[in-house]
Amino acid sequence: MRRNTNPRVKARFRRKLRIRKKIFGTGQRPRLSVFRSNRHIFAQIIDDEKGVTLVATSSFSKELKGKKLEGGKKAMAREVGTLIAQKAKAKGIDQVVFDRGGYLFHGRVKELADAAREAGLVF
C-alpha cells in the first residue's frame, strides 16, 4: 500500500492516533467512529475489547441510496447520524464514546454527532 505524503493527511493521522490513545470502546459503551472523505461520510460503532464492528452505515448505504436532500453533504451527514443511532438502538446500544477520527468537531462531523444525539444516542 502506498503511503500518503500529503502533510494534511499525515497531521490528521497523528491527531487520530493521539485521540485513540485516550478513547476505547467497551461492550457496555462502544466507540462511534467517524470517517469523512471528500464526497462521503462513514460511521461505525466498534467494540474495541472484541475488535468487532457492531453497527456500520455510510452515505453509500441502501437506506440512503438515491435520496435527494436539500443541504448537500451536511444534510447527508445528518441522515447518516440518524441512521446509525436507529441501528444502534435496534441492537440495544444506548451509550457510545465519540471518536471524531482526527477531524475538527465542525461541519459534517458535528452534524452527524448532533443527529445521533437527537435520535437517542448518549455520548
PDB file of N, CA and C in Angstrom:
ATOM      1  N   MET A   1       0.836  -1.172   0.000  1.00  0.00           N
ATOM      2  CA  MET A   1       0.000   0.000   0.000  1.00  0.00           C
ATOM      3  C   MET A   1       0.890   1.247   0.000  1.00  0.00           C
ATOM      4  N   ARG A   2       0.551   2.198  -0.822  1.00  0.00           N
ATOM      5  CA  ARG A   2       1.325   3.422  -0.932  1.00  0.00           C
ATOM      6  C   ARG A   2       0.980   4.372   0.208  1.00  0.00           C
ATOM      7  N   ARG A   3       1.960   4.915   0.860  1.00  0.00           N
ATOM      8  CA  ARG A   3       1.733   5.866   1.951  1.00  0.00           C
ATOM      9  C   ARG A   3       1.406   7.233   1.370  1.00  0.00           C
ATOM     10  N   ASN A   4       0.493   7.917   2.029  1.00  0.00           N
ATOM     11  CA  ASN A   4       0.125   9.243   1.600  1.00  0.00           C
ATOM     12  C   ASN A   4       1.154  10.241   2.124  1.00  0.00           C
ATOM     13  N   THR A   5       1.656  11.082   1.248  1.00  0.00           N
ATOM     14  CA  THR A   5       2.677  12.042   1.644  1.00  0.00           C
ATOM     15  C   THR A   5       2.101  13.441   1.842  1.00  0.00           C
ATOM     16  N   ASN A   6       0.799  13.589   1.711  1.00  0.00           N
ATOM     17  CA  ASN A   6       0.152  14.881   1.915  1.00  0.00           C
ATOM     18  C   ASN A   6       0.294  15.284   3.385  1.00  0.00           C
ATOM     19  N   PRO A   7       0.840  16.469   3.672  1.00  0.00           N
ATOM     20  CA  PRO A   7       1.040  16.875   5.064  1.00  0.00           C
ATOM     21  C   PRO A   7      -0.259  16.962   5.875  1.00  0.00           C
ATOM     22  N   ARG A   8      -1.356  17.322   5.239  1.00  0.00           N
ATOM     23  CA  ARG A   8      -2.634  17.396   5.953  1.00  0.00           C
ATOM     24  C   ARG A   8      -3.109  16.016   6.385  1.00  0.00           C
ATOM     25  N   VAL A   9      -2.938  15.042   5.499  1.00  0.00           N
ATOM     26  CA  VAL A   9      -3.341  13.674   5.819  1.00  0.00           C
ATOM     27  C   VAL A   9      -2.465  13.124   6.932  1.00  0.00           C
ATOM     28  N   LYS A  10      -1.173  13.401   6.868  1.00  0.00           N
ATOM     29  CA  LYS A  10      -0.254  12.952   7.916  1.00  0.00           C
ATOM     30  C   LYS A  10      -0.620  13.572   9.265  1.00  0.00           C
ATOM     31  N   ALA A  11      -0.938  14.859   9.259  1.00  0.00           N
ATOM     32  CA  ALA A  11      -1.298  15.550  10.501  1.00  0.00           C
ATOM     33  C   ALA A  11      -2.592  14.975  11.077  1.00  0.00           C
ATOM     34  N   ARG A  12      -3.575  14.703  10.224  1.00  0.00           N
ATOM     35  CA  ARG A  12      -4.826  14.115  10.699  1.00  0.00           C
ATOM     36  C   ARG A  12      -4.578  12.737  11.280  1.00  0.00           C
ATOM     37  N   PHE A  13      -3.703  11.961  10.655  1.00  0.00           N
ATOM     38  CA  PHE A  13      -3.396  10.628  11.155  1.00  0.00           C
ATOM     39  C   PHE A  13      -2.723  10.694  12.525  1.00  0.00           C
ATOM     40  N   ARG A  14      -1.814  11.652  12.716  1.00  0.00           N
ATOM     41  CA  ARG A  14      -1.180  11.831  14.030  1.00  0.00           C
ATOM     42  C   ARG A  14      -2.211  12.225  15.083  1.00  0.00           C
ATOM     43  N   ARG A  15      -3.118  13.139  14.725  1.00  0.00           N
ATOM     44  CA  ARG A  15      -4.186  13.534  15.654  1.00  0.00           C
ATOM     45  C   ARG A  15      -5.067  12.347  15.988  1.00  0.00           C
ATOM     46  N   LYS A  16      -5.376  11.546  14.975  1.00  0.00           N
ATOM     47  CA  LYS A  16      -6.216  10.365  15.180  1.00  0.00           C
ATOM     48  C   LYS A  16      -5.575   9.402  16.177  1.00  0.00           C
ATOM     49  N   LEU A  17      -4.286   9.158  16.025  1.00  0.00           N
ATOM     50  CA  LEU A  17      -3.585   8.260  16.943  1.00  0.00           C
ATOM     51  C   LEU A  17      -3.544   8.824  18.359  1.00  0.00           C
ATOM     52  N   ARG A  18      -3.350  10.135  18.466  1.00  0.00           N
ATOM     53  CA  ARG A  18      -3.313  10.778  19.782  1.00  0.00           C
ATOM     54  C   ARG A  18      -4.676  10.659  20.479  1.00  0.00           C
ATOM     55  N   ILE A  19      -5.742  10.808  19.724  1.00  0.00           N
ATOM     56  CA  ILE A  19      -7.095  10.676  20.273  1.00  0.00           C
ATOM     57  C   ILE A  19      -7.374   9.226  20.661  1.00  0.00           C
ATOM     58  N   ARG A  20      -6.949   8.290  19.806  1.00  0.00           N
ATOM     59  CA  ARG A  20      -7.237   6.866  20.040  1.00  0.00           C
ATOM     60  C   ARG A  20      -6.517   6.310  21.261  1.00  0.00           C
ATOM     61  N   LYS A  21      -5.441   6.974  21.714  1.00  0.00           N
ATOM     62  CA  LYS A  21      -4.776   6.540  22.945  1.00  0.00           C
ATOM     63  C   LYS A  21      -5.695   6.724  24.145  1.00  0.00           C
ATOM     64  N   LYS A  22      -6.572   7.712  24.059  1.00  0.00           N
ATOM     65  CA  LYS A  22      -7.426   8.068  25.192  1.00  0.00           C
ATOM     66  C   LYS A  22      -8.823   7.450  25.100  1.00  0.00           C
ATOM     67  N   ILE A  23      -9.286   7.173  23.889  1.00  0.00           N
ATOM     68  CA  ILE A  23     -10.651   6.679  23.682  1.00  0.00           C
ATOM     69  C   ILE A  23     -10.613   5.182  23.415  1.00  0.00           C
ATOM     70  N   PHE A  24     -11.450   4.436  24.151  1.00  0.00           N
ATOM     71  CA  PHE A  24     -11.513   2.987  23.994  1.00  0.00           C
ATOM     72  C   PHE A  24     -12.959   2.546  24.150  1.00  0.00           C
ATOM     73  N   GLY A  25     -13.478   1.790  23.203  1.00  0.00           N
ATOM     74  CA  GLY A  25     -14.847   1.317  23.251  1.00  0.00           C
ATOM     75  C   GLY A  25     -14.943  -0.024  23.952  1.00  0.00           C
ATOM     76  N   THR A  26     -15.895  -0.153  24.869  1.00  0.00           N
ATOM     77  CA  THR A  26     -16.116  -1.406  25.584  1.00  0.00           C
ATOM     78  C   THR A  26     -17.441  -2.007  25.140  1.00  0.00           C
ATOM     79  N   GLY A  27     -17.781  -3.145  25.702  1.00  0.00           N
ATOM     80  CA  GLY A  27     -19.053  -3.779  25.372  1.00  0.00           C
ATOM     81  C   GLY A  27     -20.243  -2.952  25.848  1.00  0.00           C
ATOM     82  N   GLN A  28     -20.098  -2.323  27.022  1.00  0.00           N
ATOM     83  CA  GLN A  28     -21.185  -1.507  27.561  1.00  0.00           C
ATOM     84  C   GLN A  28     -21.255  -0.141  26.882  1.00  0.00           C
ATOM     85  N   ARG A  29     -20.108   0.375  26.478  1.00  0.00           N
ATOM     86  CA  ARG A  29     -20.048   1.705  25.868  1.00  0.00           C
ATOM     87  C   ARG A  29     -19.090   1.656  24.670  1.00  0.00           C
ATOM     88  N   PRO A  30     -19.578   1.193  23.516  1.00  0.00           N
ATOM     89  CA  PRO A  30     -18.707   1.080  22.342  1.00  0.00           C
ATOM     90  C   PRO A  30     -18.350   2.449  21.756  1.00  0.00           C
ATOM     91  N   ARG A  31     -17.435   2.425  20.810  1.00  0.00           N
ATOM     92  CA  ARG A  31     -16.918   3.648  20.201  1.00  0.00           C
ATOM     93  C   ARG A  31     -17.630   3.938  18.886  1.00  0.00           C
ATOM     94  N   LEU A  32     -18.115   5.175  18.731  1.00  0.00           N
ATOM     95  CA  LEU A  32     -18.712   5.638  17.477  1.00  0.00           C
ATOM     96  C   LEU A  32     -17.620   6.347  16.693  1.00  0.00           C
ATOM     97  N   SER A  33     -17.125   5.697  15.656  1.00  0.00           N
ATOM     98  CA  SER A  33     -16.014   6.212  14.859  1.00  0.00           C
ATOM     99  C   SER A  33     -16.539   6.838  13.575  1.00  0.00           C
ATOM    100  N   VAL A  34     -15.956   7.979  13.194  1.00  0.00           N
ATOM    101  CA  VAL A  34     -16.384   8.713  12.002  1.00  0.00           C
ATOM    102  C   VAL A  34     -15.217   8.812  11.035  1.00  0.00           C
ATOM    103  N   PHE A  35     -15.492   8.545   9.762  1.00  0.00           N
ATOM    104  CA  PHE A  35     -14.522   8.797   8.703  1.00  0.00           C
ATOM    105  C   PHE A  35     -15.204   9.651   7.653  1.00  0.00           C
ATOM    106  N   ARG A  36     -14.487  10.647   7.184  1.00  0.00           N
ATOM    107  CA  ARG A  36     -15.043  11.601   6.239  1.00  0.00           C
ATOM    108  C   ARG A  36     -14.128  11.651   5.029  1.00  0.00           C
ATOM    109  N   SER A  37     -14.689  11.412   3.850  1.00  0.00           N
ATOM    110  CA  SER A  37     -13.929  11.607   2.625  1.00  0.00           C
ATOM    111  C   SER A  37     -14.444  12.879   1.963  1.00  0.00           C
ATOM    112  N   ASN A  38     -13.935  13.214   0.807  1.00  0.00           N
ATOM    113  CA  ASN A  38     -14.399  14.432   0.143  1.00  0.00           C
ATOM    114  C   ASN A  38     -15.864  14.350  -0.253  1.00  0.00           C
ATOM    115  N   ARG A  39     -16.329  13.168  -0.612  1.00  0.00           N
ATOM    116  CA  ARG A  39     -17.705  13.027  -1.087  1.00  0.00           C
ATOM    117  C   ARG A  39     -18.640  12.344  -0.105  1.00  0.00           C
ATOM    118  N   HIS A  40     -18.122  11.462   0.742  1.00  0.00           N
ATOM    119  CA  HIS A  40     -18.973  10.621   1.569  1.00  0.00           C
ATOM    120  C   HIS A  40     -18.578  10.708   3.037  1.00  0.00           C
ATOM    121  N   ILE A  41     -19.466  10.168   3.882  1.00  0.00           N
ATOM    122  CA  ILE A  41     -19.186  10.099   5.314  1.00  0.00           C
ATOM    123  C   ILE A  41     -19.570   8.705   5.798  1.00  0.00           C
ATOM    124  N   PHE A  42     -18.764   8.163   6.688  1.00  0.00           N
ATOM    125  CA  PHE A  42     -18.945   6.808   7.182  1.00  0.00           C
ATOM    126  C   PHE A  42     -18.969   6.842   8.698  1.00  0.00           C
ATOM    127  N   ALA A  43     -19.802   6.001   9.310  1.00  0.00           N
ATOM    128  CA  ALA A  43     -19.856   5.901  10.767  1.00  0.00           C
ATOM    129  C   ALA A  43     -19.972   4.428  11.129  1.00  0.00           C
ATOM    130  N   GLN A  44     -19.264   4.042  12.187  1.00  0.00           N
ATOM    131  CA  GLN A  44     -19.379   2.674  12.675  1.00  0.00           C
ATOM    132  C   GLN A  44     -19.253   2.654  14.184  1.00  0.00           C
ATOM    133  N   ILE A  45     -19.937   1.709  14.801  1.00  0.00           N
ATOM    134  CA  ILE A  45     -19.878   1.529  16.244  1.00  0.00           C
ATOM    135  C   ILE A  45     -19.069   0.269  16.496  1.00  0.00           C
ATOM    136  N   ILE A  46     -17.984   0.423  17.280  1.00  0.00           N
ATOM    137  CA  ILE A  46     -16.982  -0.625  17.422  1.00  0.00           C
ATOM    138  C   ILE A  46     -16.810  -1.009  18.884  1.00  0.00           C
ATOM    139  N   ASP A  47     -16.745  -2.320  19.147  1.00  0.00           N
ATOM    140  CA  ASP A  47     -16.375  -2.838  20.458  1.00  0.00           C
ATOM    141  C   ASP A  47     -14.885  -3.162  20.384  1.00  0.00           C
ATOM    142  N   ASP A  48     -14.067  -2.322  21.003  1.00  0.00           N
ATOM    143  CA  ASP A  48     -12.610  -2.488  20.907  1.00  0.00           C
ATOM    144  C   ASP A  48     -12.095  -3.666  21.723  1.00  0.00           C
ATOM    145  N   GLU A  49     -12.827  -4.099  22.742  1.00  0.00           N
ATOM    146  CA  GLU A  49     -12.391  -5.258  23.525  1.00  0.00           C
ATOM    147  C   GLU A  49     -12.383  -6.514  22.670  1.00  0.00           C
ATOM    148  N   LYS A  50     -13.422  -6.686  21.855  1.00  0.00           N
ATOM    149  CA  LYS A  50     -13.520  -7.855  20.985  1.00  0.00           C
ATOM    150  C   LYS A  50     -12.939  -7.584  19.601  1.00  0.00           C
ATOM    151  N   GLY A  51     -12.775  -6.310  19.246  1.00  0.00           N
ATOM    152  CA  GLY A  51     -12.292  -5.958  17.917  1.00  0.00           C
ATOM    153  C   GLY A  51     -13.335  -6.203  16.847  1.00  0.00           C
ATOM    154  N   VAL A  52     -14.593  -5.866  17.176  1.00  0.00           N
ATOM    155  CA  VAL A  52     -15.705  -6.168  16.289  1.00  0.00           C
ATOM    156  C   VAL A  52     -16.497  -4.896  15.990  1.00  0.00           C
ATOM    157  N   THR A  53     -16.888  -4.723  14.737  1.00  0.00           N
ATOM    158  CA  THR A  53     -17.798  -3.648  14.368  1.00  0.00           C
ATOM    159  C   THR A  53     -19.213  -4.142  14.613  1.00  0.00           C
ATOM    160  N   LEU A  54     -19.951  -3.439  15.477  1.00  0.00           N
ATOM    161  CA  LEU A  54     -21.302  -3.840  15.831  1.00  0.00           C
ATOM    162  C   LEU A  54     -22.329  -3.306  14.838  1.00  0.00           C
ATOM    163  N   VAL A  55     -22.180  -2.049  14.462  1.00  0.00           N
ATOM    164  CA  VAL A  55     -23.110  -1.393  13.545  1.00  0.00           C
ATOM    165  C   VAL A  55     -22.300  -0.483  12.636  1.00  0.00           C
ATOM    166  N   ALA A  56     -22.669  -0.418  11.367  1.00  0.00           N
ATOM    167  CA  ALA A  56     -21.981   0.487  10.444  1.00  0.00           C
ATOM    168  C   ALA A  56     -22.975   1.028   9.432  1.00  0.00           C
ATOM    169  N   THR A  57     -22.737   2.237   9.007  1.00  0.00           N
ATOM    170  CA  THR A  57     -23.524   2.836   7.940  1.00  0.00           C
ATOM    171  C   THR A  57     -22.707   3.940   7.286  1.00  0.00           C
ATOM    172  N   SER A  58     -23.165   4.363   6.129  1.00  0.00           N
ATOM    173  CA  SER A  58     -22.465   5.415   5.410  1.00  0.00           C
ATOM    174  C   SER A  58     -23.426   6.082   4.442  1.00  0.00           C
ATOM    175  N   SER A  59     -22.923   7.069   3.745  1.00  0.00           N
ATOM    176  CA  SER A  59     -23.747   7.722   2.737  1.00  0.00           C
ATOM    177  C   SER A  59     -23.945   6.806   1.529  1.00  0.00           C
ATOM    178  N   PHE A  60     -23.245   5.664   1.495  1.00  0.00           N
ATOM    179  CA  PHE A  60     -23.435   4.644   0.457  1.00  0.00           C
ATOM    180  C   PHE A  60     -24.596   3.691   0.770  1.00  0.00           C
ATOM    181  N   SER A  61     -25.046   3.644   2.015  1.00  0.00           N
ATOM    182  CA  SER A  61     -25.974   2.601   2.450  1.00  0.00           C
ATOM    183  C   SER A  61     -27.265   2.593   1.636  1.00  0.00           C
ATOM    184  N   LYS A  62     -27.853   1.420   1.527  1.00  0.00           N
ATOM    185  CA  LYS A  62     -29.027   1.279   0.662  1.00  0.00           C
ATOM    186  C   LYS A  62     -30.234   2.050   1.190  1.00  0.00           C
ATOM    187  N   GLU A  63     -30.283   2.329   2.496  1.00  0.00           N
ATOM    188  CA  GLU A  63     -31.388   3.117   3.039  1.00  0.00           C
ATOM    189  C   GLU A  63     -31.325   4.573   2.558  1.00  0.00           C
ATOM    190  N   LEU A  64     -30.123   5.049   2.278  1.00  0.00           N
ATOM    191  CA  LEU A  64     -29.941   6.436   1.854  1.00  0.00           C
ATOM    192  C   LEU A  64     -29.687   6.571   0.355  1.00  0.00           C
ATOM    193  N   LYS A  65     -29.569   5.443  -0.326  1.00  0.00           N
ATOM    194  CA  LYS A  65     -29.258   5.446  -1.752  1.00  0.00           C
ATOM    195  C   LYS A  65     -30.364   6.162  -2.533  1.00  0.00           C
ATOM    196  N   GLY A  66     -29.987   7.087  -3.352  1.00  0.00           N
ATOM    197  CA  GLY A  66     -30.945   7.778  -4.210  1.00  0.00           C
ATOM    198  C   GLY A  66     -31.764   8.850  -3.509  1.00  0.00           C
ATOM    199  N   LYS A  67     -31.480   9.117  -2.239  1.00  0.00           N
ATOM    200  CA  LYS A  67     -32.210  10.148  -1.505  1.00  0.00           C
ATOM    201  C   LYS A  67     -31.662  11.514  -1.893  1.00  0.00           C
ATOM    202  N   LYS A  68     -32.524  12.380  -2.388  1.00  0.00           N
ATOM    203  CA  LYS A  68     -32.115  13.740  -2.733  1.00  0.00           C
ATOM    204  C   LYS A  68     -32.422  14.640  -1.550  1.00  0.00           C
ATOM    205  N   LEU A  69     -31.384  15.281  -1.020  1.00  0.00           N
ATOM    206  CA  LEU A  69     -31.524  16.103   0.179  1.00  0.00           C
ATOM    207  C   LEU A  69     -31.149  17.548  -0.115  1.00  0.00           C
ATOM    208  N   GLU A  70     -31.890  18.467   0.473  1.00  0.00           N
ATOM    209  CA  GLU A  70     -31.514  19.877   0.434  1.00  0.00           C
ATOM    210  C   GLU A  70     -30.415  20.078   1.464  1.00  0.00           C
ATOM    211  N   GLY A  71     -29.328  20.693   1.089  1.00  0.00           N
ATOM    212  CA  GLY A  71     -28.267  20.969   2.048  1.00  0.00           C
ATOM    213  C   GLY A  71     -26.985  20.216   1.767  1.00  0.00           C
ATOM    214  N   GLY A  72     -26.969  19.375   0.759  1.00  0.00           N
ATOM    215  CA  GLY A  72     -25.733  18.727   0.321  1.00  0.00           C
ATOM    216  C   GLY A  72     -25.132  17.749   1.304  1.00  0.00           C
ATOM    217  N   LYS A  73     -23.818  17.856   1.497  1.00  0.00           N
ATOM    218  CA  LYS A  73     -23.069  16.891   2.293  1.00  0.00           C
ATOM    219  C   LYS A  73     -23.411  16.969   3.773  1.00  0.00           C
ATOM    220  N   LYS A  74     -23.718  18.160   4.273  1.00  0.00           N
ATOM    221  CA  LYS A  74     -24.092  18.287   5.682  1.00  0.00           C
ATOM    222  C   LYS A  74     -25.420  17.586   5.949  1.00  0.00           C
ATOM    223  N   ALA A  75     -26.360  17.713   5.041  1.00  0.00           N
ATOM    224  CA  ALA A  75     -27.651  17.040   5.187  1.00  0.00           C
ATOM    225  C   ALA A  75     -27.472  15.526   5.138  1.00  0.00           C
ATOM    226  N   MET A  76     -26.570  15.057   4.286  1.00  0.00           N
ATOM    227  CA  MET A  76     -26.303  13.619   4.202  1.00  0.00           C
ATOM    228  C   MET A  76     -25.653  13.133   5.497  1.00  0.00           C
ATOM    229  N   ALA A  77     -24.754  13.925   6.075  1.00  0.00           N
ATOM    230  CA  ALA A  77     -24.125  13.556   7.343  1.00  0.00           C
ATOM    231  C   ALA A  77     -25.179  13.461   8.439  1.00  0.00           C
ATOM    232  N   ARG A  78     -26.144  14.365   8.427  1.00  0.00           N
ATOM    233  CA  ARG A  78     -27.233  14.329   9.411  1.00  0.00           C
ATOM    234  C   ARG A  78     -28.049  13.040   9.250  1.00  0.00           C
ATOM    235  N   GLU A  79     -28.324  12.644   8.018  1.00  0.00           N
ATOM    236  CA  GLU A  79     -29.067  11.408   7.759  1.00  0.00           C
ATOM    237  C   GLU A  79     -28.273  10.181   8.229  1.00  0.00           C
ATOM    238  N   VAL A  80     -26.976  10.181   7.998  1.00  0.00           N
ATOM    239  CA  VAL A  80     -26.132   9.065   8.432  1.00  0.00           C
ATOM    240  C   VAL A  80     -26.126   8.976   9.958  1.00  0.00           C
ATOM    241  N   GLY A  81     -26.077  10.124  10.636  1.00  0.00           N
ATOM    242  CA  GLY A  81     -26.126  10.148  12.098  1.00  0.00           C
ATOM    243  C   GLY A  81     -27.422   9.586  12.639  1.00  0.00           C
ATOM    244  N   THR A  82     -28.526   9.976  12.028  1.00  0.00           N
ATOM    245  CA  THR A  82     -29.830   9.457  12.446  1.00  0.00           C
ATOM    246  C   THR A  82     -29.916   7.957  12.211  1.00  0.00           C
ATOM    247  N   LEU A  83     -29.433   7.507  11.062  1.00  0.00           N
ATOM    248  CA  LEU A  83     -29.493   6.087  10.710  1.00  0.00           C
ATOM    249  C   LEU A  83     -28.616   5.236  11.630  1.00  0.00           C
ATOM    250  N   ILE A  84     -27.417   5.710  11.960  1.00  0.00           N
ATOM    251  CA  ILE A  84     -26.534   4.936  12.848  1.00  0.00           C
ATOM    252  C   ILE A  84     -27.155   4.819  14.231  1.00  0.00           C
ATOM    253  N   ALA A  85     -27.822   5.884  14.690  1.00  0.00           N
ATOM    254  CA  ALA A  85     -28.472   5.843  16.001  1.00  0.00           C
ATOM    255  C   ALA A  85     -29.642   4.860  15.998  1.00  0.00           C
ATOM    256  N   GLN A  86     -30.407   4.836  14.931  1.00  0.00           N
ATOM    257  CA  GLN A  86     -31.531   3.901  14.829  1.00  0.00           C
ATOM    258  C   GLN A  86     -31.040   2.460  14.822  1.00  0.00           C
ATOM    259  N   LYS A  87     -29.989   2.189  14.061  1.00  0.00           N
ATOM    260  CA  LYS A  87     -29.432   0.834  14.005  1.00  0.00           C
ATOM    261  C   LYS A  87     -28.855   0.427  15.362  1.00  0.00           C
ATOM    262  N   ALA A  88     -28.215   1.377  16.050  1.00  0.00           N
ATOM    263  CA  ALA A  88     -27.654   1.087  17.375  1.00  0.00           C
ATOM    264  C   ALA A  88     -28.760   0.782  18.369  1.00  0.00           C
ATOM    265  N   LYS A  89     -29.834   1.557  18.339  1.00  0.00           N
ATOM    266  CA  LYS A  89     -30.974   1.317  19.237  1.00  0.00           C
ATOM    267  C   LYS A  89     -31.565  -0.066  18.984  1.00  0.00           C
ATOM    268  N   ALA A  90     -31.642  -0.464  17.726  1.00  0.00           N
ATOM    269  CA  ALA A  90     -32.180  -1.775  17.384  1.00  0.00           C
ATOM    270  C   ALA A  90     -31.303  -2.899  17.952  1.00  0.00           C
ATOM    271  N   LYS A  91     -29.998  -2.645  18.081  1.00  0.00           N
ATOM    272  CA  LYS A  91     -29.078  -3.644  18.643  1.00  0.00           C
ATOM    273  C   LYS A  91     -28.968  -3.530  20.164  1.00  0.00           C
ATOM    274  N   GLY A  92     -29.663  -2.548  20.756  1.00  0.00           N
ATOM    275  CA  GLY A  92     -29.637  -2.394  22.207  1.00  0.00           C
ATOM    276  C   GLY A  92     -28.491  -1.534  22.716  1.00  0.00           C
ATOM    277  N   ILE A  93     -27.929  -0.711  21.855  1.00  0.00           N
ATOM    278  CA  ILE A  93     -26.836   0.180  22.245  1.00  0.00           C
ATOM    279  C   ILE A  93     -27.404   1.573  22.491  1.00  0.00           C
ATOM    280  N   ASP A  94     -27.230   2.073  23.728  1.00  0.00           N
ATOM    281  CA  ASP A  94     -27.741   3.393  24.075  1.00  0.00           C
ATOM    282  C   ASP A  94     -26.639   4.413  24.283  1.00  0.00           C
ATOM    283  N   GLN A  95     -25.489   3.963  24.787  1.00  0.00           N
ATOM    284  CA  GLN A  95     -24.390   4.870  25.098  1.00  0.00           C
ATOM    285  C   GLN A  95     -23.169   4.517  24.269  1.00  0.00           C
ATOM    286  N   VAL A  96     -22.500   5.552  23.770  1.00  0.00           N
ATOM    287  CA  VAL A  96     -21.278   5.358  22.989  1.00  0.00           C
ATOM    288  C   VAL A  96     -20.236   6.390  23.403  1.00  0.00           C
ATOM    289  N   VAL A  97     -19.000   6.142  22.983  1.00  0.00           N
ATOM    290  CA  VAL A  97     -17.911   7.102  23.118  1.00  0.00           C
ATOM    291  C   VAL A  97     -17.660   7.636  21.717  1.00  0.00           C
ATOM    292  N   PHE A  98     -17.631   8.940  21.550  1.00  0.00           N
ATOM    293  CA  PHE A  98     -17.494   9.533  20.217  1.00  0.00           C
ATOM    294  C   PHE A  98     -16.029   9.687  19.843  1.00  0.00           C
ATOM    295  N   ASP A  99     -15.665   9.145  18.681  1.00  0.00           N
ATOM    296  CA  ASP A  99     -14.315   9.242  18.136  1.00  0.00           C
ATOM    297  C   ASP A  99     -14.397  10.038  16.842  1.00  0.00           C
ATOM    298  N   ARG A 100     -13.922  11.272  16.885  1.00  0.00           N
ATOM    299  CA  ARG A 100     -14.026  12.147  15.714  1.00  0.00           C
ATOM    300  C   ARG A 100     -12.976  11.849  14.657  1.00  0.00           C
ATOM    301  N   GLY A 101     -12.071  10.931  14.930  1.00  0.00           N
ATOM    302  CA  GLY A 101     -11.128  10.454  13.930  1.00  0.00           C
ATOM    303  C   GLY A 101     -10.089  11.464  13.485  1.00  0.00           C
ATOM    304  N   GLY A 102      -9.759  12.430  14.324  1.00  0.00           N
ATOM    305  CA  GLY A 102      -8.754  13.425  13.960  1.00  0.00           C
ATOM    306  C   GLY A 102      -9.313  14.628  13.243  1.00  0.00           C
ATOM    307  N   TYR A 103     -10.594  14.622  12.944  1.00  0.00           N
ATOM    308  CA  TYR A 103     -11.222  15.762  12.284  1.00  0.00           C
ATOM    309  C   TYR A 103     -11.669  16.767  13.333  1.00  0.00           C
ATOM    310  N   LEU A 104     -11.793  18.025  12.936  1.00  0.00           N
ATOM    311  CA  LEU A 104     -12.358  19.034  13.819  1.00  0.00           C
ATOM    312  C   LEU A 104     -13.817  18.703  14.084  1.00  0.00           C
ATOM    313  N   PHE A 105     -14.286  19.003  15.283  1.00  0.00           N
ATOM    314  CA  PHE A 105     -15.702  18.808  15.601  1.00  0.00           C
ATOM    315  C   PHE A 105     -16.445  20.002  15.028  1.00  0.00           C
ATOM    316  N   HIS A 106     -16.659  19.957  13.726  1.00  0.00           N
ATOM    317  CA  HIS A 106     -17.205  21.089  12.993  1.00  0.00           C
ATOM    318  C   HIS A 106     -17.774  20.557  11.691  1.00  0.00           C
ATOM    319  N   GLY A 107     -18.745  21.212  11.144  1.00  0.00           N
ATOM    320  CA  GLY A 107     -19.266  20.854   9.835  1.00  0.00           C
ATOM    321  C   GLY A 107     -19.965  19.510   9.816  1.00  0.00           C
ATOM    322  N   ARG A 108     -19.527  18.630   8.910  1.00  0.00           N
ATOM    323  CA  ARG A 108     -20.187  17.335   8.723  1.00  0.00           C
ATOM    324  C   ARG A 108     -20.054  16.429   9.931  1.00  0.00           C
ATOM    325  N   VAL A 109     -18.906  16.469  10.607  1.00  0.00           N
ATOM    326  CA  VAL A 109     -18.709  15.625  11.793  1.00  0.00           C
ATOM    327  C   VAL A 109     -19.671  16.057  12.900  1.00  0.00           C
ATOM    328  N   LYS A 110     -19.823  17.353  13.079  1.00  0.00           N
ATOM    329  CA  LYS A 110     -20.735  17.886  14.098  1.00  0.00           C
ATOM    330  C   LYS A 110     -22.185  17.559  13.744  1.00  0.00           C
ATOM    331  N   GLU A 111     -22.550  17.678  12.479  1.00  0.00           N
ATOM    332  CA  GLU A 111     -23.912  17.353  12.039  1.00  0.00           C
ATOM    333  C   GLU A 111     -24.242  15.892  12.336  1.00  0.00           C
ATOM    334  N   LEU A 112     -23.309  14.995  12.038  1.00  0.00           N
ATOM    335  CA  LEU A 112     -23.516  13.576  12.311  1.00  0.00           C
ATOM    336  C   LEU A 112     -23.703  13.341  13.810  1.00  0.00           C
ATOM    337  N   ALA A 113     -22.850  13.952  14.623  1.00  0.00           N
ATOM    338  CA  ALA A 113     -22.926  13.769  16.074  1.00  0.00           C
ATOM    339  C   ALA A 113     -24.237  14.329  16.632  1.00  0.00           C
ATOM    340  N   ASP A 114     -24.628  15.511  16.196  1.00  0.00           N
ATOM    341  CA  ASP A 114     -25.867  16.122  16.685  1.00  0.00           C
ATOM    342  C   ASP A 114     -27.087  15.283  16.310  1.00  0.00           C
ATOM    343  N   ALA A 115     -27.105  14.760  15.089  1.00  0.00           N
ATOM    344  CA  ALA A 115     -28.223  13.927  14.647  1.00  0.00           C
ATOM    345  C   ALA A 115     -28.296  12.631  15.444  1.00  0.00           C
ATOM    346  N   ALA A 116     -27.137  12.040  15.744  1.00  0.00           N
ATOM    347  CA  ALA A 116     -27.110  10.801  16.537  1.00  0.00           C
ATOM    348  C   ALA A 116     -27.617  11.067  17.951  1.00  0.00           C
ATOM    349  N   ARG A 117     -27.230  12.213  18.518  1.00  0.00           N
ATOM    350  CA  ARG A 117     -27.727  12.580  19.853  1.00  0.00           C
ATOM    351  C   ARG A 117     -29.232  12.787  19.847  1.00  0.00           C
ATOM    352  N   GLU A 118     -29.731  13.489  18.838  1.00  0.00           N
ATOM    353  CA  GLU A 118     -31.163  13.760  18.732  1.00  0.00           C
ATOM    354  C   GLU A 118     -31.958  12.460  18.569  1.00  0.00           C
ATOM    355  N   ALA A 119     -31.358  11.475  17.913  1.00  0.00           N
ATOM    356  CA  ALA A 119     -32.031  10.193  17.688  1.00  0.00           C
ATOM    357  C   ALA A 119     -31.930   9.269  18.895  1.00  0.00           C
ATOM    358  N   GLY A 120     -31.225   9.697  19.956  1.00  0.00           N
ATOM    359  CA  GLY A 120     -31.262   8.924  21.195  1.00  0.00           C
ATOM    360  C   GLY A 120     -29.955   8.347  21.700  1.00  0.00           C
ATOM    361  N   LEU A 121     -28.853   8.507  20.966  1.00  0.00           N
ATOM    362  CA  LEU A 121     -27.575   8.013  21.469  1.00  0.00           C
ATOM    363  C   LEU A 121     -27.027   8.978  22.517  1.00  0.00           C
ATOM    364  N   VAL A 122     -26.418   8.454  23.564  1.00  0.00           N
ATOM    365  CA  VAL A 122     -25.844   9.276  24.613  1.00  0.00           C
ATOM    366  C   VAL A 122     -24.334   9.209  24.522  1.00  0.00           C
ATOM    367  N   PHE A 123     -23.704  10.391  24.389  1.00  0.00           N
ATOM    368  CA  PHE A 123     -22.238  10.482  24.421  1.00  0.00           C
ATOM    369  C   PHE A 123     -21.809  11.881  24.773  1.00  0.00           C
TER     370      PHE A 123
END
